[in-house]
Amino acid sequence: MPYVAIVDDEEPVRKALKRLLRASGLEAESYASGKHFLEASALRRPDCLVLDLHMPGMSGLQLMHEMRAAGAMVPTVVITAYDEPATRDQCLAAGAAAYLRKPLDERLLLNAISATMKRTPKENHQ
């Protein structure tokens, strides 16, 4: 079963996304910060990451850069309440496969996750 990690500082968002992904047949875990995710991903790398852009401490973009520097390329769907073209371009340049605006359309999110995992070679998954 594909494993999707959710990183968002808002608990209601984490709970709703986790419930949606599990109901859609995906294994899902959620993390309140980039730091918590990095600690957990050392044990098991997800097949896809759903990542909030604006979080205290470490932003989603900073997390993406940190993962890339460590050689841990995880297919990523960035979610944000603020659709800023320059930030969108930065996220896509950093390797995000999709950039979606909150409130999320559930079908659009599920399609983005599915497409992201299909484009990613299996050897990148651990």
PDB file of N, CA and C in Angstrom:
ATOM      1  N   MET A   1       0.849  -1.175   0.000  1.00  0.00           N
ATOM      2  CA  MET A   1       0.000   0.000   0.000  1.00  0.00           C
ATOM      3  C   MET A   1       0.897   1.242   0.000  1.00  0.00           C
ATOM      4  N   PRO A   2       0.661   2.194  -0.918  1.00  0.00           N
ATOM      5  CA  PRO A   2       1.475   3.404  -0.953  1.00  0.00           C
ATOM      6  C   PRO A   2       1.366   4.195   0.351  1.00  0.00           C
ATOM      7  N   TYR A   3       2.499   4.730   0.766  1.00  0.00           N
ATOM      8  CA  TYR A   3       2.588   5.484   2.021  1.00  0.00           C
ATOM      9  C   TYR A   3       2.769   6.969   1.713  1.00  0.00           C
ATOM     10  N   VAL A   4       1.849   7.786   2.235  1.00  0.00           N
ATOM     11  CA  VAL A   4       1.888   9.232   2.033  1.00  0.00           C
ATOM     12  C   VAL A   4       2.080   9.900   3.390  1.00  0.00           C
ATOM     13  N   ALA A   5       3.060  10.799   3.457  1.00  0.00           N
ATOM     14  CA  ALA A   5       3.293  11.575   4.673  1.00  0.00           C
ATOM     15  C   ALA A   5       2.695  12.970   4.476  1.00  0.00           C
ATOM     16  N   ILE A   6       2.054  13.453   5.519  1.00  0.00           N
ATOM     17  CA  ILE A   6       1.432  14.780   5.510  1.00  0.00           C
ATOM     18  C   ILE A   6       2.183  15.636   6.518  1.00  0.00           C
ATOM     19  N   VAL A   7       2.665  16.800   6.091  1.00  0.00           N
ATOM     20  CA  VAL A   7       3.339  17.717   7.005  1.00  0.00           C
ATOM     21  C   VAL A   7       2.585  19.042   6.956  1.00  0.00           C
ATOM     22  N   ASP A   8       1.925  19.371   8.048  1.00  0.00           N
ATOM     23  CA  ASP A   8       1.141  20.605   8.142  1.00  0.00           C
ATOM     24  C   ASP A   8       1.060  20.982   9.610  1.00  0.00           C
ATOM     25  N   ASP A   9       1.221  22.252   9.906  1.00  0.00           N
ATOM     26  CA  ASP A   9       1.208  22.679  11.303  1.00  0.00           C
ATOM     27  C   ASP A   9      -0.206  22.803  11.871  1.00  0.00           C
ATOM     28  N   GLU A  10      -1.223  22.729  11.027  1.00  0.00           N
ATOM     29  CA  GLU A  10      -2.608  22.846  11.493  1.00  0.00           C
ATOM     30  C   GLU A  10      -3.204  21.457  11.724  1.00  0.00           C
ATOM     31  N   GLU A  11      -3.502  21.152  12.988  1.00  0.00           N
ATOM     32  CA  GLU A  11      -4.017  19.829  13.340  1.00  0.00           C
ATOM     33  C   GLU A  11      -5.291  19.446  12.588  1.00  0.00           C
ATOM     34  N   PRO A  12      -6.285  20.353  12.450  1.00  0.00           N
ATOM     35  CA  PRO A  12      -7.499  19.959  11.723  1.00  0.00           C
ATOM     36  C   PRO A  12      -7.202  19.570  10.265  1.00  0.00           C
ATOM     37  N   VAL A  13      -6.264  20.250   9.647  1.00  0.00           N
ATOM     38  CA  VAL A  13      -5.893  19.926   8.270  1.00  0.00           C
ATOM     39  C   VAL A  13      -5.240  18.546   8.224  1.00  0.00           C
ATOM     40  N   ARG A  14      -4.308  18.296   9.153  1.00  0.00           N
ATOM     41  CA  ARG A  14      -3.641  16.987   9.201  1.00  0.00           C
ATOM     42  C   ARG A  14      -4.656  15.861   9.365  1.00  0.00           C
ATOM     43  N   LYS A  15      -5.589  16.046  10.301  1.00  0.00           N
ATOM     44  CA  LYS A  15      -6.592  15.004  10.559  1.00  0.00           C
ATOM     45  C   LYS A  15      -7.477  14.756   9.346  1.00  0.00           C
ATOM     46  N   ALA A  16      -7.922  15.835   8.712  1.00  0.00           N
ATOM     47  CA  ALA A  16      -8.806  15.698   7.550  1.00  0.00           C
ATOM     48  C   ALA A  16      -8.082  15.027   6.385  1.00  0.00           C
ATOM     49  N   LEU A  17      -6.846  15.421   6.135  1.00  0.00           N
ATOM     50  CA  LEU A  17      -6.094  14.821   5.038  1.00  0.00           C
ATOM     51  C   LEU A  17      -5.782  13.350   5.311  1.00  0.00           C
ATOM     52  N   LYS A  18      -5.431  13.054   6.533  1.00  0.00           N
ATOM     53  CA  LYS A  18      -5.126  11.664   6.892  1.00  0.00           C
ATOM     54  C   LYS A  18      -6.367  10.790   6.700  1.00  0.00           C
ATOM     55  N   ARG A  19      -7.510  11.290   7.132  1.00  0.00           N
ATOM     56  CA  ARG A  19      -8.772  10.554   6.980  1.00  0.00           C
ATOM     57  C   ARG A  19      -9.097  10.353   5.492  1.00  0.00           C
ATOM     58  N   LEU A  20      -8.936  11.389   4.689  1.00  0.00           N
ATOM     59  CA  LEU A  20      -9.208  11.312   3.262  1.00  0.00           C
ATOM     60  C   LEU A  20      -8.297  10.288   2.580  1.00  0.00           C
ATOM     61  N   LEU A  21      -7.010  10.348   2.875  1.00  0.00           N
ATOM     62  CA  LEU A  21      -6.065   9.451   2.217  1.00  0.00           C
ATOM     63  C   LEU A  21      -6.306   7.999   2.613  1.00  0.00           C
ATOM     64  N   ARG A  22      -6.566   7.771   3.882  1.00  0.00           N
ATOM     65  CA  ARG A  22      -6.842   6.397   4.332  1.00  0.00           C
ATOM     66  C   ARG A  22      -8.128   5.859   3.716  1.00  0.00           C
ATOM     67  N   ALA A  23      -9.144   6.705   3.605  1.00  0.00           N
ATOM     68  CA  ALA A  23     -10.408   6.284   2.994  1.00  0.00           C
ATOM     69  C   ALA A  23     -10.223   5.993   1.506  1.00  0.00           C
ATOM     70  N   SER A  24      -9.162   6.554   0.925  1.00  0.00           N
ATOM     71  CA  SER A  24      -8.871   6.349  -0.497  1.00  0.00           C
ATOM     72  C   SER A  24      -7.915   5.190  -0.735  1.00  0.00           C
ATOM     73  N   GLY A  25      -7.619   4.434   0.329  1.00  0.00           N
ATOM     74  CA  GLY A  25      -6.782   3.258   0.182  1.00  0.00           C
ATOM     75  C   GLY A  25      -5.289   3.507   0.281  1.00  0.00           C
ATOM     76  N   LEU A  26      -4.898   4.633   0.831  1.00  0.00           N
ATOM     77  CA  LEU A  26      -3.489   4.950   1.009  1.00  0.00           C
ATOM     78  C   LEU A  26      -3.124   4.866   2.483  1.00  0.00           C
ATOM     79  N   GLU A  27      -1.917   4.464   2.760  1.00  0.00           N
ATOM     80  CA  GLU A  27      -1.415   4.527   4.128  1.00  0.00           C
ATOM     81  C   GLU A  27      -0.961   5.961   4.347  1.00  0.00           C
ATOM     82  N   ALA A  28      -1.338   6.572   5.460  1.00  0.00           N
ATOM     83  CA  ALA A  28      -0.996   7.970   5.698  1.00  0.00           C
ATOM     84  C   ALA A  28      -0.593   8.189   7.149  1.00  0.00           C
ATOM     85  N   GLU A  29       0.419   9.010   7.316  1.00  0.00           N
ATOM     86  CA  GLU A  29       0.831   9.486   8.635  1.00  0.00           C
ATOM     87  C   GLU A  29       0.989  10.987   8.539  1.00  0.00           C
ATOM     88  N   SER A  30       0.792  11.670   9.658  1.00  0.00           N
ATOM     89  CA  SER A  30       0.903  13.121   9.628  1.00  0.00           C
ATOM     90  C   SER A  30       1.908  13.611  10.661  1.00  0.00           C
ATOM     91  N   TYR A  31       2.490  14.755  10.339  1.00  0.00           N
ATOM     92  CA  TYR A  31       3.539  15.359  11.169  1.00  0.00           C
ATOM     93  C   TYR A  31       3.270  16.850  11.290  1.00  0.00           C
ATOM     94  N   ALA A  32       3.478  17.383  12.490  1.00  0.00           N
ATOM     95  CA  ALA A  32       3.166  18.776  12.777  1.00  0.00           C
ATOM     96  C   ALA A  32       4.250  19.753  12.325  1.00  0.00           C
ATOM     97  N   SER A  33       5.419  19.218  11.957  1.00  0.00           N
ATOM     98  CA  SER A  33       6.511  20.109  11.544  1.00  0.00           C
ATOM     99  C   SER A  33       7.485  19.361  10.648  1.00  0.00           C
ATOM    100  N   GLY A  34       8.296  20.142   9.957  1.00  0.00           N
ATOM    101  CA  GLY A  34       9.337  19.548   9.135  1.00  0.00           C
ATOM    102  C   GLY A  34      10.324  18.754   9.962  1.00  0.00           C
ATOM    103  N   LYS A  35      10.617  19.239  11.148  1.00  0.00           N
ATOM    104  CA  LYS A  35      11.555  18.543  12.032  1.00  0.00           C
ATOM    105  C   LYS A  35      11.032  17.145  12.393  1.00  0.00           C
ATOM    106  N   HIS A  36       9.761  17.074  12.773  1.00  0.00           N
ATOM    107  CA  HIS A  36       9.167  15.777  13.113  1.00  0.00           C
ATOM    108  C   HIS A  36       9.179  14.832  11.915  1.00  0.00           C
ATOM    109  N   PHE A  37       8.887  15.376  10.735  1.00  0.00           N
ATOM    110  CA  PHE A  37       8.906  14.538   9.543  1.00  0.00           C
ATOM    111  C   PHE A  37      10.316  14.014   9.256  1.00  0.00           C
ATOM    112  N   LEU A  38      11.319  14.881   9.354  1.00  0.00           N
ATOM    113  CA  LEU A  38      12.693  14.456   9.071  1.00  0.00           C
ATOM    114  C   LEU A  38      13.131  13.336  10.006  1.00  0.00           C
ATOM    115  N   GLU A  39      12.742  13.436  11.263  1.00  0.00           N
ATOM    116  CA  GLU A  39      13.083  12.379  12.226  1.00  0.00           C
ATOM    117  C   GLU A  39      12.429  11.055  11.821  1.00  0.00           C
ATOM    118  N   ALA A  40      11.179  11.107  11.410  1.00  0.00           N
ATOM    119  CA  ALA A  40      10.448   9.889  11.043  1.00  0.00           C
ATOM    120  C   ALA A  40      10.903   9.345   9.692  1.00  0.00           C
ATOM    121  N   SER A  41      11.241  10.227   8.758  1.00  0.00           N
ATOM    122  CA  SER A  41      11.601   9.757   7.419  1.00  0.00           C
ATOM    123  C   SER A  41      12.949   9.048   7.403  1.00  0.00           C
ATOM    124  N   ALA A  42      13.729   9.223   8.461  1.00  0.00           N
ATOM    125  CA  ALA A  42      14.980   8.468   8.560  1.00  0.00           C
ATOM    126  C   ALA A  42      14.673   6.987   8.722  1.00  0.00           C
ATOM    127  N   LEU A  43      13.508   6.670   9.272  1.00  0.00           N
ATOM    128  CA  LEU A  43      13.093   5.281   9.469  1.00  0.00           C
ATOM    129  C   LEU A  43      12.371   4.715   8.253  1.00  0.00           C
ATOM    130  N   ARG A  44      11.563   5.547   7.614  1.00  0.00           N
ATOM    131  CA  ARG A  44      10.800   5.082   6.452  1.00  0.00           C
ATOM    132  C   ARG A  44      10.474   6.261   5.544  1.00  0.00           C
ATOM    133  N   ARG A  45      10.957   6.195   4.340  1.00  0.00           N
ATOM    134  CA  ARG A  45      10.703   7.265   3.379  1.00  0.00           C
ATOM    135  C   ARG A  45       9.337   7.052   2.725  1.00  0.00           C
ATOM    136  N   PRO A  46       8.520   8.105   2.658  1.00  0.00           N
ATOM    137  CA  PRO A  46       7.197   7.960   2.032  1.00  0.00           C
ATOM    138  C   PRO A  46       7.286   7.877   0.509  1.00  0.00           C
ATOM    139  N   ASP A  47       6.220   7.366  -0.083  1.00  0.00           N
ATOM    140  CA  ASP A  47       6.109   7.330  -1.540  1.00  0.00           C
ATOM    141  C   ASP A  47       5.718   8.699  -2.076  1.00  0.00           C
ATOM    142  N   CYS A  48       5.086   9.502  -1.228  1.00  0.00           N
ATOM    143  CA  CYS A  48       4.674  10.851  -1.597  1.00  0.00           C
ATOM    144  C   CYS A  48       4.575  11.692  -0.321  1.00  0.00           C
ATOM    145  N   LEU A  49       4.848  12.966  -0.461  1.00  0.00           N
ATOM    146  CA  LEU A  49       4.780  13.908   0.653  1.00  0.00           C
ATOM    147  C   LEU A  49       3.789  14.999   0.309  1.00  0.00           C
ATOM    148  N   VAL A  50       2.812  15.229   1.190  1.00  0.00           N
ATOM    149  CA  VAL A  50       1.889  16.352   1.057  1.00  0.00           C
ATOM    150  C   VAL A  50       2.366  17.375   2.089  1.00  0.00           C
ATOM    151  N   LEU A  51       2.822  18.508   1.593  1.00  0.00           N
ATOM    152  CA  LEU A  51       3.591  19.441   2.413  1.00  0.00           C
ATOM    153  C   LEU A  51       3.003  20.838   2.409  1.00  0.00           C
ATOM    154  N   ASP A  52       2.659  21.339   3.598  1.00  0.00           N
ATOM    155  CA  ASP A  52       2.203  22.717   3.735  1.00  0.00           C
ATOM    156  C   ASP A  52       3.391  23.642   3.507  1.00  0.00           C
ATOM    157  N   LEU A  53       3.151  24.730   2.830  1.00  0.00           N
ATOM    158  CA  LEU A  53       4.234  25.651   2.515  1.00  0.00           C
ATOM    159  C   LEU A  53       4.592  26.561   3.685  1.00  0.00           C
ATOM    160  N   HIS A  54       3.586  27.131   4.320  1.00  0.00           N
ATOM    161  CA  HIS A  54       3.835  28.113   5.384  1.00  0.00           C
ATOM    162  C   HIS A  54       3.643  27.473   6.758  1.00  0.00           C
ATOM    163  N   MET A  55       4.778  27.217   7.435  1.00  0.00           N
ATOM    164  CA  MET A  55       4.756  26.645   8.778  1.00  0.00           C
ATOM    165  C   MET A  55       5.793  27.370   9.624  1.00  0.00           C
ATOM    166  N   PRO A  56       5.555  27.468  10.928  1.00  0.00           N
ATOM    167  CA  PRO A  56       6.562  28.079  11.797  1.00  0.00           C
ATOM    168  C   PRO A  56       7.798  27.178  11.897  1.00  0.00           C
ATOM    169  N   GLY A  57       8.921  27.779  12.138  1.00  0.00           N
ATOM    170  CA  GLY A  57      10.154  27.010  12.270  1.00  0.00           C
ATOM    171  C   GLY A  57      10.771  26.766  10.914  1.00  0.00           C
ATOM    172  N   MET A  58      10.377  25.692  10.283  1.00  0.00           N
ATOM    173  CA  MET A  58      10.901  25.317   8.968  1.00  0.00           C
ATOM    174  C   MET A  58       9.748  25.343   7.965  1.00  0.00           C
ATOM    175  N   SER A  59       9.882  26.184   6.947  1.00  0.00           N
ATOM    176  CA  SER A  59       8.827  26.249   5.929  1.00  0.00           C
ATOM    177  C   SER A  59       8.881  24.997   5.057  1.00  0.00           C
ATOM    178  N   GLY A  60       7.828  24.790   4.298  1.00  0.00           N
ATOM    179  CA  GLY A  60       7.801  23.659   3.383  1.00  0.00           C
ATOM    180  C   GLY A  60       8.927  23.732   2.363  1.00  0.00           C
ATOM    181  N   LEU A  61       9.205  24.932   1.862  1.00  0.00           N
ATOM    182  CA  LEU A  61      10.280  25.099   0.895  1.00  0.00           C
ATOM    183  C   LEU A  61      11.640  24.787   1.527  1.00  0.00           C
ATOM    184  N   GLN A  62      11.839  25.223   2.763  1.00  0.00           N
ATOM    185  CA  GLN A  62      13.086  24.905   3.465  1.00  0.00           C
ATOM    186  C   GLN A  62      13.227  23.394   3.653  1.00  0.00           C
ATOM    187  N   LEU A  63      12.130  22.722   3.981  1.00  0.00           N
ATOM    188  CA  LEU A  63      12.158  21.270   4.139  1.00  0.00           C
ATOM    189  C   LEU A  63      12.539  20.594   2.822  1.00  0.00           C
ATOM    190  N   MET A  64      11.977  21.060   1.722  1.00  0.00           N
ATOM    191  CA  MET A  64      12.316  20.495   0.422  1.00  0.00           C
ATOM    192  C   MET A  64      13.806  20.665   0.124  1.00  0.00           C
ATOM    193  N   HIS A  65      14.345  21.842   0.409  1.00  0.00           N
ATOM    194  CA  HIS A  65      15.774  22.090   0.178  1.00  0.00           C
ATOM    195  C   HIS A  65      16.635  21.194   1.068  1.00  0.00           C
ATOM    196  N   GLU A  66      16.228  21.041   2.313  1.00  0.00           N
ATOM    197  CA  GLU A  66      16.986  20.202   3.241  1.00  0.00           C
ATOM    198  C   GLU A  66      16.981  18.738   2.791  1.00  0.00           C
ATOM    199  N   MET A  67      15.832  18.278   2.335  1.00  0.00           N
ATOM    200  CA  MET A  67      15.741  16.894   1.861  1.00  0.00           C
ATOM    201  C   MET A  67      16.604  16.695   0.611  1.00  0.00           C
ATOM    202  N   ARG A  68      16.558  17.654  -0.288  1.00  0.00           N
ATOM    203  CA  ARG A  68      17.360  17.548  -1.512  1.00  0.00           C
ATOM    204  C   ARG A  68      18.850  17.519  -1.165  1.00  0.00           C
ATOM    205  N   ALA A  69      19.272  18.370  -0.235  1.00  0.00           N
ATOM    206  CA  ALA A  69      20.682  18.413   0.172  1.00  0.00           C
ATOM    207  C   ALA A  69      21.127  17.077   0.772  1.00  0.00           C
ATOM    208  N   ALA A  70      20.189  16.385   1.423  1.00  0.00           N
ATOM    209  CA  ALA A  70      20.497  15.092   2.037  1.00  0.00           C
ATOM    210  C   ALA A  70      20.347  13.935   1.036  1.00  0.00           C
ATOM    211  N   GLY A  71      19.965  14.257  -0.201  1.00  0.00           N
ATOM    212  CA  GLY A  71      19.788  13.220  -1.212  1.00  0.00           C
ATOM    213  C   GLY A  71      18.509  12.421  -1.051  1.00  0.00           C
ATOM    214  N   ALA A  72      17.548  12.950  -0.308  1.00  0.00           N
ATOM    215  CA  ALA A  72      16.280  12.258  -0.053  1.00  0.00           C
ATOM    216  C   ALA A  72      15.182  12.897  -0.903  1.00  0.00           C
ATOM    217  N   MET A  73      15.142  12.516  -2.155  1.00  0.00           N
ATOM    218  CA  MET A  73      14.143  13.061  -3.060  1.00  0.00           C
ATOM    219  C   MET A  73      12.825  12.303  -2.896  1.00  0.00           C
ATOM    220  N   VAL A  74      11.834  12.974  -2.368  1.00  0.00           N
ATOM    221  CA  VAL A  74      10.508  12.382  -2.172  1.00  0.00           C
ATOM    222  C   VAL A  74       9.531  13.166  -3.039  1.00  0.00           C
ATOM    223  N   PRO A  75       8.738  12.497  -3.855  1.00  0.00           N
ATOM    224  CA  PRO A  75       7.739  13.200  -4.664  1.00  0.00           C
ATOM    225  C   PRO A  75       6.840  14.034  -3.744  1.00  0.00           C
ATOM    226  N   THR A  76       6.686  15.311  -4.079  1.00  0.00           N
ATOM    227  CA  THR A  76       6.033  16.237  -3.161  1.00  0.00           C
ATOM    228  C   THR A  76       4.894  17.004  -3.812  1.00  0.00           C
ATOM    229  N   VAL A  77       3.776  17.083  -3.084  1.00  0.00           N
ATOM    230  CA  VAL A  77       2.649  17.932  -3.439  1.00  0.00           C
ATOM    231  C   VAL A  77       2.614  19.035  -2.395  1.00  0.00           C
ATOM    232  N   VAL A  78       2.845  20.273  -2.827  1.00  0.00           N
ATOM    233  CA  VAL A  78       2.837  21.415  -1.915  1.00  0.00           C
ATOM    234  C   VAL A  78       1.420  21.957  -1.835  1.00  0.00           C
ATOM    235  N   ILE A  79       0.983  22.245  -0.593  1.00  0.00           N
ATOM    236  CA  ILE A  79      -0.334  22.841  -0.380  1.00  0.00           C
ATOM    237  C   ILE A  79      -0.145  24.158   0.364  1.00  0.00           C
ATOM    238  N   THR A  80      -0.961  25.138   0.034  1.00  0.00           N
ATOM    239  CA  THR A  80      -0.823  26.447   0.663  1.00  0.00           C
ATOM    240  C   THR A  80      -2.126  27.225   0.611  1.00  0.00           C
ATOM    241  N   ALA A  81      -2.303  28.100   1.564  1.00  0.00           N
ATOM    242  CA  ALA A  81      -3.460  28.992   1.566  1.00  0.00           C
ATOM    243  C   ALA A  81      -3.159  30.256   0.764  1.00  0.00           C
ATOM    244  N   TYR A  82      -1.901  30.455   0.406  1.00  0.00           N
ATOM    245  CA  TYR A  82      -1.466  31.671  -0.291  1.00  0.00           C
ATOM    246  C   TYR A  82      -0.852  31.301  -1.628  1.00  0.00           C
ATOM    247  N   ASP A  83      -1.577  31.594  -2.700  1.00  0.00           N
ATOM    248  CA  ASP A  83      -1.097  31.253  -4.035  1.00  0.00           C
ATOM    249  C   ASP A  83      -0.290  32.431  -4.577  1.00  0.00           C
ATOM    250  N   GLU A  84       1.000  32.367  -4.377  1.00  0.00           N
ATOM    251  CA  GLU A  84       1.905  33.423  -4.827  1.00  0.00           C
ATOM    252  C   GLU A  84       2.722  32.876  -6.001  1.00  0.00           C
ATOM    253  N   PRO A  85       2.612  33.479  -7.182  1.00  0.00           N
ATOM    254  CA  PRO A  85       3.300  32.951  -8.363  1.00  0.00           C
ATOM    255  C   PRO A  85       4.812  32.746  -8.166  1.00  0.00           C
ATOM    256  N   ALA A  86       5.488  33.674  -7.521  1.00  0.00           N
ATOM    257  CA  ALA A  86       6.933  33.521  -7.319  1.00  0.00           C
ATOM    258  C   ALA A  86       7.237  32.329  -6.421  1.00  0.00           C
ATOM    259  N   THR A  87       6.436  32.157  -5.374  1.00  0.00           N
ATOM    260  CA  THR A  87       6.635  31.030  -4.467  1.00  0.00           C
ATOM    261  C   THR A  87       6.308  29.718  -5.170  1.00  0.00           C
ATOM    262  N   ARG A  88       5.253  29.723  -5.971  1.00  0.00           N
ATOM    263  CA  ARG A  88       4.907  28.524  -6.741  1.00  0.00           C
ATOM    264  C   ARG A  88       6.085  28.132  -7.630  1.00  0.00           C
ATOM    265  N   ASP A  89       6.663  29.115  -8.316  1.00  0.00           N
ATOM    266  CA  ASP A  89       7.806  28.839  -9.188  1.00  0.00           C
ATOM    267  C   ASP A  89       8.983  28.278  -8.392  1.00  0.00           C
ATOM    268  N   GLN A  90       9.229  28.810  -7.195  1.00  0.00           N
ATOM    269  CA  GLN A  90      10.319  28.318  -6.351  1.00  0.00           C
ATOM    270  C   GLN A  90      10.078  26.862  -5.947  1.00  0.00           C
ATOM    271  N   CYS A  91       8.847  26.545  -5.579  1.00  0.00           N
ATOM    272  CA  CYS A  91       8.516  25.176  -5.165  1.00  0.00           C
ATOM    273  C   CYS A  91       8.682  24.200  -6.323  1.00  0.00           C
ATOM    274  N   LEU A  92       8.195  24.577  -7.496  1.00  0.00           N
ATOM    275  CA  LEU A  92       8.318  23.698  -8.651  1.00  0.00           C
ATOM    276  C   LEU A  92       9.784  23.538  -9.046  1.00  0.00           C
ATOM    277  N   ALA A  93      10.567  24.612  -8.946  1.00  0.00           N
ATOM    278  CA  ALA A  93      11.999  24.532  -9.248  1.00  0.00           C
ATOM    279  C   ALA A  93      12.726  23.651  -8.241  1.00  0.00           C
ATOM    280  N   ALA A  94      12.227  23.607  -7.002  1.00  0.00           N
ATOM    281  CA  ALA A  94      12.846  22.785  -5.947  1.00  0.00           C
ATOM    282  C   ALA A  94      12.432  21.318  -6.069  1.00  0.00           C
ATOM    283  N   GLY A  95      11.537  21.014  -7.004  1.00  0.00           N
ATOM    284  CA  GLY A  95      11.177  19.621  -7.227  1.00  0.00           C
ATOM    285  C   GLY A  95       9.752  19.237  -6.892  1.00  0.00           C
ATOM    286  N   ALA A  96       8.912  20.194  -6.478  1.00  0.00           N
ATOM    287  CA  ALA A  96       7.516  19.851  -6.199  1.00  0.00           C
ATOM    288  C   ALA A  96       6.839  19.395  -7.483  1.00  0.00           C
ATOM    289  N   ALA A  97       6.069  18.327  -7.387  1.00  0.00           N
ATOM    290  CA  ALA A  97       5.350  17.799  -8.546  1.00  0.00           C
ATOM    291  C   ALA A  97       4.033  18.532  -8.759  1.00  0.00           C
ATOM    292  N   ALA A  98       3.485  19.093  -7.686  1.00  0.00           N
ATOM    293  CA  ALA A  98       2.217  19.822  -7.781  1.00  0.00           C
ATOM    294  C   ALA A  98       2.183  20.896  -6.700  1.00  0.00           C
ATOM    295  N   TYR A  99       1.415  21.937  -6.966  1.00  0.00           N
ATOM    296  CA  TYR A  99       1.265  23.066  -6.051  1.00  0.00           C
ATOM    297  C   TYR A  99      -0.227  23.379  -6.013  1.00  0.00           C
ATOM    298  N   LEU A 100      -0.875  23.105  -4.863  1.00  0.00           N
ATOM    299  CA  LEU A 100      -2.324  23.246  -4.745  1.00  0.00           C
ATOM    300  C   LEU A 100      -2.692  24.261  -3.674  1.00  0.00           C
ATOM    301  N   ARG A 101      -3.775  24.965  -3.936  1.00  0.00           N
ATOM    302  CA  ARG A 101      -4.230  25.990  -3.003  1.00  0.00           C
ATOM    303  C   ARG A 101      -5.322  25.463  -2.077  1.00  0.00           C
ATOM    304  N   LYS A 102      -5.205  25.825  -0.776  1.00  0.00           N
ATOM    305  CA  LYS A 102      -6.245  25.517   0.204  1.00  0.00           C
ATOM    306  C   LYS A 102      -7.360  26.548   0.050  1.00  0.00           C
ATOM    307  N   PRO A 103      -8.593  26.205   0.330  1.00  0.00           N
ATOM    308  CA  PRO A 103      -9.049  24.875   0.698  1.00  0.00           C
ATOM    309  C   PRO A 103      -8.902  23.926  -0.484  1.00  0.00           C
ATOM    310  N   LEU A 104      -8.512  22.713  -0.163  1.00  0.00           N
ATOM    311  CA  LEU A 104      -8.194  21.730  -1.184  1.00  0.00           C
ATOM    312  C   LEU A 104      -9.431  21.075  -1.758  1.00  0.00           C
ATOM    313  N   ASP A 105      -9.409  20.882  -3.057  1.00  0.00           N
ATOM    314  CA  ASP A 105     -10.402  20.054  -3.715  1.00  0.00           C
ATOM    315  C   ASP A 105      -9.909  18.617  -3.549  1.00  0.00           C
ATOM    316  N   GLU A 106     -10.674  17.778  -2.873  1.00  0.00           N
ATOM    317  CA  GLU A 106     -10.232  16.417  -2.548  1.00  0.00           C
ATOM    318  C   GLU A 106      -9.834  15.622  -3.786  1.00  0.00           C
ATOM    319  N   ARG A 107     -10.639  15.694  -4.830  1.00  0.00           N
ATOM    320  CA  ARG A 107     -10.344  14.928  -6.043  1.00  0.00           C
ATOM    321  C   ARG A 107      -9.056  15.428  -6.689  1.00  0.00           C
ATOM    322  N   LEU A 108      -8.856  16.739  -6.713  1.00  0.00           N
ATOM    323  CA  LEU A 108      -7.639  17.313  -7.287  1.00  0.00           C
ATOM    324  C   LEU A 108      -6.404  16.852  -6.509  1.00  0.00           C
ATOM    325  N   LEU A 109      -6.510  16.829  -5.187  1.00  0.00           N
ATOM    326  CA  LEU A 109      -5.398  16.369  -4.358  1.00  0.00           C
ATOM    327  C   LEU A 109      -5.094  14.901  -4.620  1.00  0.00           C
ATOM    328  N   LEU A 110      -6.128  14.058  -4.613  1.00  0.00           N
ATOM    329  CA  LEU A 110      -5.918  12.626  -4.846  1.00  0.00           C
ATOM    330  C   LEU A 110      -5.330  12.371  -6.238  1.00  0.00           C
ATOM    331  N   ASN A 111      -5.794  13.120  -7.231  1.00  0.00           N
ATOM    332  CA  ASN A 111      -5.248  12.978  -8.580  1.00  0.00           C
ATOM    333  C   ASN A 111      -3.783  13.406  -8.623  1.00  0.00           C
ATOM    334  N   ALA A 112      -3.445  14.484  -7.912  1.00  0.00           N
ATOM    335  CA  ALA A 112      -2.054  14.960  -7.880  1.00  0.00           C
ATOM    336  C   ALA A 112      -1.146  13.928  -7.208  1.00  0.00           C
ATOM    337  N   ILE A 113      -1.617  13.330  -6.116  1.00  0.00           N
ATOM    338  CA  ILE A 113      -0.829  12.308  -5.421  1.00  0.00           C
ATOM    339  C   ILE A 113      -0.623  11.105  -6.334  1.00  0.00           C
ATOM    340  N   SER A 114      -1.687  10.658  -6.978  1.00  0.00           N
ATOM    341  CA  SER A 114      -1.610   9.500  -7.866  1.00  0.00           C
ATOM    342  C   SER A 114      -0.651   9.767  -9.028  1.00  0.00           C
ATOM    343  N   ALA A 115      -0.786  10.921  -9.662  1.00  0.00           N
ATOM    344  CA  ALA A 115       0.079  11.269 -10.796  1.00  0.00           C
ATOM    345  C   ALA A 115       1.534  11.389 -10.356  1.00  0.00           C
ATOM    346  N   THR A 116       1.746  11.948  -9.185  1.00  0.00           N
ATOM    347  CA  THR A 116       3.101  12.117  -8.662  1.00  0.00           C
ATOM    348  C   THR A 116       3.764  10.771  -8.443  1.00  0.00           C
ATOM    349  N   MET A 117       3.045   9.838  -7.872  1.00  0.00           N
ATOM    350  CA  MET A 117       3.625   8.521  -7.601  1.00  0.00           C
ATOM    351  C   MET A 117       3.843   7.730  -8.896  1.00  0.00           C
ATOM    352  N   LYS A 118       2.996   7.925  -9.901  1.00  0.00           N
ATOM    353  CA  LYS A 118       3.158   7.215 -11.177  1.00  0.00           C
ATOM    354  C   LYS A 118       4.385   7.692 -11.931  1.00  0.00           C
ATOM    355  N   ARG A 119       4.706   8.980 -11.797  1.00  0.00           N
ATOM    356  CA  ARG A 119       5.860   9.542 -12.514  1.00  0.00           C
ATOM    357  C   ARG A 119       7.185   9.191 -11.863  1.00  0.00           C
ATOM    358  N   THR A 120       7.140   8.742 -10.632  1.00  0.00           N
ATOM    359  CA  THR A 120       8.361   8.511  -9.876  1.00  0.00           C
ATOM    360  C   THR A 120       8.833   7.080 -10.039  1.00  0.00           C
ATOM    361  N   PRO A 121      10.090   6.876 -10.462  1.00  0.00           N
ATOM    362  CA  PRO A 121      10.605   5.512 -10.571  1.00  0.00           C
ATOM    363  C   PRO A 121      10.556   4.791  -9.234  1.00  0.00           C
ATOM    364  N   LYS A 122      10.198   3.512  -9.254  1.00  0.00           N
ATOM    365  CA  LYS A 122      10.075   2.726  -8.025  1.00  0.00           C
ATOM    366  C   LYS A 122      11.377   2.657  -7.242  1.00  0.00           C
ATOM    367  N   GLU A 123      12.529   2.694  -7.922  1.00  0.00           N
ATOM    368  CA  GLU A 123      13.778   2.567  -7.195  1.00  0.00           C
ATOM    369  C   GLU A 123      14.036   3.729  -6.246  1.00  0.00           C
ATOM    370  N   ASN A 124      13.275   4.842  -6.404  1.00  0.00           N
ATOM    371  CA  ASN A 124      13.429   5.967  -5.475  1.00  0.00           C
ATOM    372  C   ASN A 124      12.722   5.717  -4.158  1.00  0.00           C
ATOM    373  N   HIS A 125      11.831   4.725  -4.125  1.00  0.00           N
ATOM    374  CA  HIS A 125      11.087   4.428  -2.884  1.00  0.00           C
ATOM    375  C   HIS A 125      11.879   3.465  -2.029  1.00  0.00           C
ATOM    376  N   GLN A 126      11.767   3.644  -0.718  1.00  0.00           N
ATOM    377  CA  GLN A 126      12.429   2.734   0.210  1.00  0.00           C
ATOM    378  C   GLN A 126      11.407   2.155   1.135  1.00  0.00           C
TER     379      GLN A 126
END
